[in-house]
């Protein structure tokens, strides 16, 4: 199951290949944001089969604003 702050990679859809972070999750959907195309106040609903975990998490401080989220995801993308 996906947890808040977990970094995932999109496997399908228009955002295929993008790094996203999980904002929330329920039984059937995961809500993800990237801070640019999908800001924190408008998360995208994704099917859990269409994303995969990259094994990293970001803190709530890094999810405080869209700018901080973009910066955190860019740093993770540079490492991967």
C-alpha atoms as a PDB file:
ATOM      1  CA  UNK A   1       0.000   0.000   0.000  1.00  0.00           C
ATOM      2  CA  UNK A   2       1.195   3.487  -0.758  1.00  0.00           C
ATOM      3  CA  UNK A   3       1.855   6.044   1.987  1.00  0.00           C
ATOM      4  CA  UNK A   4       1.896   9.842   2.046  1.00  0.00           C
ATOM      5  CA  UNK A   5       5.250  11.203   0.888  1.00  0.00           C
ATOM      6  CA  UNK A   6       6.282   8.109  -1.040  1.00  0.00           C
ATOM      7  CA  UNK A   7       7.891   8.866  -4.408  1.00  0.00           C
ATOM      8  CA  UNK A   8       6.510   6.898  -7.349  1.00  0.00           C
ATOM      9  CA  UNK A   9       7.074   6.721 -11.093  1.00  0.00           C
ATOM     10  CA  UNK A  10       4.135   6.803 -13.485  1.00  0.00           C
ATOM     11  CA  UNK A  11       3.983   3.790 -15.816  1.00  0.00           C
ATOM     12  CA  UNK A  12       0.935   4.738 -17.881  1.00  0.00           C
ATOM     13  CA  UNK A  13      -0.987   7.770 -19.017  1.00  0.00           C
ATOM     14  CA  UNK A  14      -0.050  11.206 -20.225  1.00  0.00           C
ATOM     15  CA  UNK A  15       2.408  11.558 -17.342  1.00  0.00           C
ATOM     16  CA  UNK A  16       4.278   8.316 -18.147  1.00  0.00           C
ATOM     17  CA  UNK A  17       7.844   8.408 -16.820  1.00  0.00           C
ATOM     18  CA  UNK A  18       7.243  11.326 -14.430  1.00  0.00           C
ATOM     19  CA  UNK A  19       8.224  11.214 -10.777  1.00  0.00           C
ATOM     20  CA  UNK A  20       5.280  11.956  -8.511  1.00  0.00           C
ATOM     21  CA  UNK A  21       4.669  11.923  -4.791  1.00  0.00           C
ATOM     22  CA  UNK A  22       1.728  10.285  -3.040  1.00  0.00           C
ATOM     23  CA  UNK A  23      -0.603  12.716  -1.292  1.00  0.00           C
ATOM     24  CA  UNK A  24      -3.157  10.141  -0.162  1.00  0.00           C
ATOM     25  CA  UNK A  25      -4.418   6.675  -1.000  1.00  0.00           C
ATOM     26  CA  UNK A  26      -7.535   4.608  -0.541  1.00  0.00           C
ATOM     27  CA  UNK A  27      -8.493   1.038  -1.459  1.00  0.00           C
ATOM     28  CA  UNK A  28      -8.791   1.633  -5.211  1.00  0.00           C
ATOM     29  CA  UNK A  29      -6.918   4.858  -6.022  1.00  0.00           C
ATOM     30  CA  UNK A  30      -3.731   6.738  -5.245  1.00  0.00           C
ATOM     31  CA  UNK A  31      -3.685  10.541  -5.395  1.00  0.00           C
ATOM     32  CA  UNK A  32      -0.375  11.960  -6.631  1.00  0.00           C
ATOM     33  CA  UNK A  33       1.176  15.391  -7.265  1.00  0.00           C
ATOM     34  CA  UNK A  34       4.329  16.743  -8.841  1.00  0.00           C
ATOM     35  CA  UNK A  35       4.053  20.438  -7.927  1.00  0.00           C
ATOM     36  CA  UNK A  36       3.938  21.639 -11.543  1.00  0.00           C
ATOM     37  CA  UNK A  37       1.440  19.846 -13.789  1.00  0.00           C
ATOM     38  CA  UNK A  38      -0.417  18.636 -10.724  1.00  0.00           C
ATOM     39  CA  UNK A  39      -0.186  21.043  -7.757  1.00  0.00           C
ATOM     40  CA  UNK A  40      -0.859  19.942  -4.192  1.00  0.00           C
ATOM     41  CA  UNK A  41      -4.344  21.462  -4.179  1.00  0.00           C
ATOM     42  CA  UNK A  42      -5.362  19.448  -7.290  1.00  0.00           C
ATOM     43  CA  UNK A  43      -3.919  15.904  -7.046  1.00  0.00           C
ATOM     44  CA  UNK A  44      -4.270  13.374  -9.856  1.00  0.00           C
ATOM     45  CA  UNK A  45      -6.101  10.120  -9.228  1.00  0.00           C
ATOM     46  CA  UNK A  46      -4.065   7.132 -10.449  1.00  0.00           C
ATOM     47  CA  UNK A  47      -4.714   3.423 -10.505  1.00  0.00           C
ATOM     48  CA  UNK A  48      -2.118   1.673  -8.289  1.00  0.00           C
ATOM     49  CA  UNK A  49      -1.301  -0.657 -11.211  1.00  0.00           C
ATOM     50  CA  UNK A  50      -0.104   2.353 -13.211  1.00  0.00           C
ATOM     51  CA  UNK A  51       2.591   3.490 -10.773  1.00  0.00           C
ATOM     52  CA  UNK A  52       5.668   1.931  -9.190  1.00  0.00           C
ATOM     53  CA  UNK A  53       7.581   2.934  -6.098  1.00  0.00           C
ATOM     54  CA  UNK A  54      11.150   4.191  -6.508  1.00  0.00           C
ATOM     55  CA  UNK A  55      11.968   3.308  -2.894  1.00  0.00           C
ATOM     56  CA  UNK A  56      12.280   6.860  -1.578  1.00  0.00           C
ATOM     57  CA  UNK A  57      10.110   9.133   0.536  1.00  0.00           C
ATOM     58  CA  UNK A  58       9.997  12.868   1.109  1.00  0.00           C
ATOM     59  CA  UNK A  59       9.110  14.613   4.341  1.00  0.00           C
ATOM     60  CA  UNK A  60       6.061  16.726   5.125  1.00  0.00           C
ATOM     61  CA  UNK A  61       8.315  19.809   5.106  1.00  0.00           C
ATOM     62  CA  UNK A  62       9.177  19.089   1.476  1.00  0.00           C
ATOM     63  CA  UNK A  63       5.460  18.761   0.731  1.00  0.00           C
ATOM     64  CA  UNK A  64       4.609  22.096   2.350  1.00  0.00           C
ATOM     65  CA  UNK A  65       4.427  23.945  -0.984  1.00  0.00           C
ATOM     66  CA  UNK A  66       4.509  23.206  -4.692  1.00  0.00           C
ATOM     67  CA  UNK A  67       7.900  24.861  -5.017  1.00  0.00           C
ATOM     68  CA  UNK A  68       9.434  22.730  -2.255  1.00  0.00           C
ATOM     69  CA  UNK A  69       7.872  19.613  -3.792  1.00  0.00           C
ATOM     70  CA  UNK A  70       9.341  20.360  -7.245  1.00  0.00           C
ATOM     71  CA  UNK A  71      12.753  20.929  -5.674  1.00  0.00           C
ATOM     72  CA  UNK A  72      12.623  17.642  -3.737  1.00  0.00           C
ATOM     73  CA  UNK A  73      11.525  15.631  -6.781  1.00  0.00           C
ATOM     74  CA  UNK A  74      14.283  17.222  -8.916  1.00  0.00           C
ATOM     75  CA  UNK A  75      16.883  16.191  -6.340  1.00  0.00           C
ATOM     76  CA  UNK A  76      15.566  12.611  -6.340  1.00  0.00           C
ATOM     77  CA  UNK A  77      15.510  12.509 -10.142  1.00  0.00           C
ATOM     78  CA  UNK A  78      19.170  13.560 -10.218  1.00  0.00           C
ATOM     79  CA  UNK A  79      20.068  10.627  -7.941  1.00  0.00           C
ATOM     80  CA  UNK A  80      18.094   7.985  -9.851  1.00  0.00           C
END
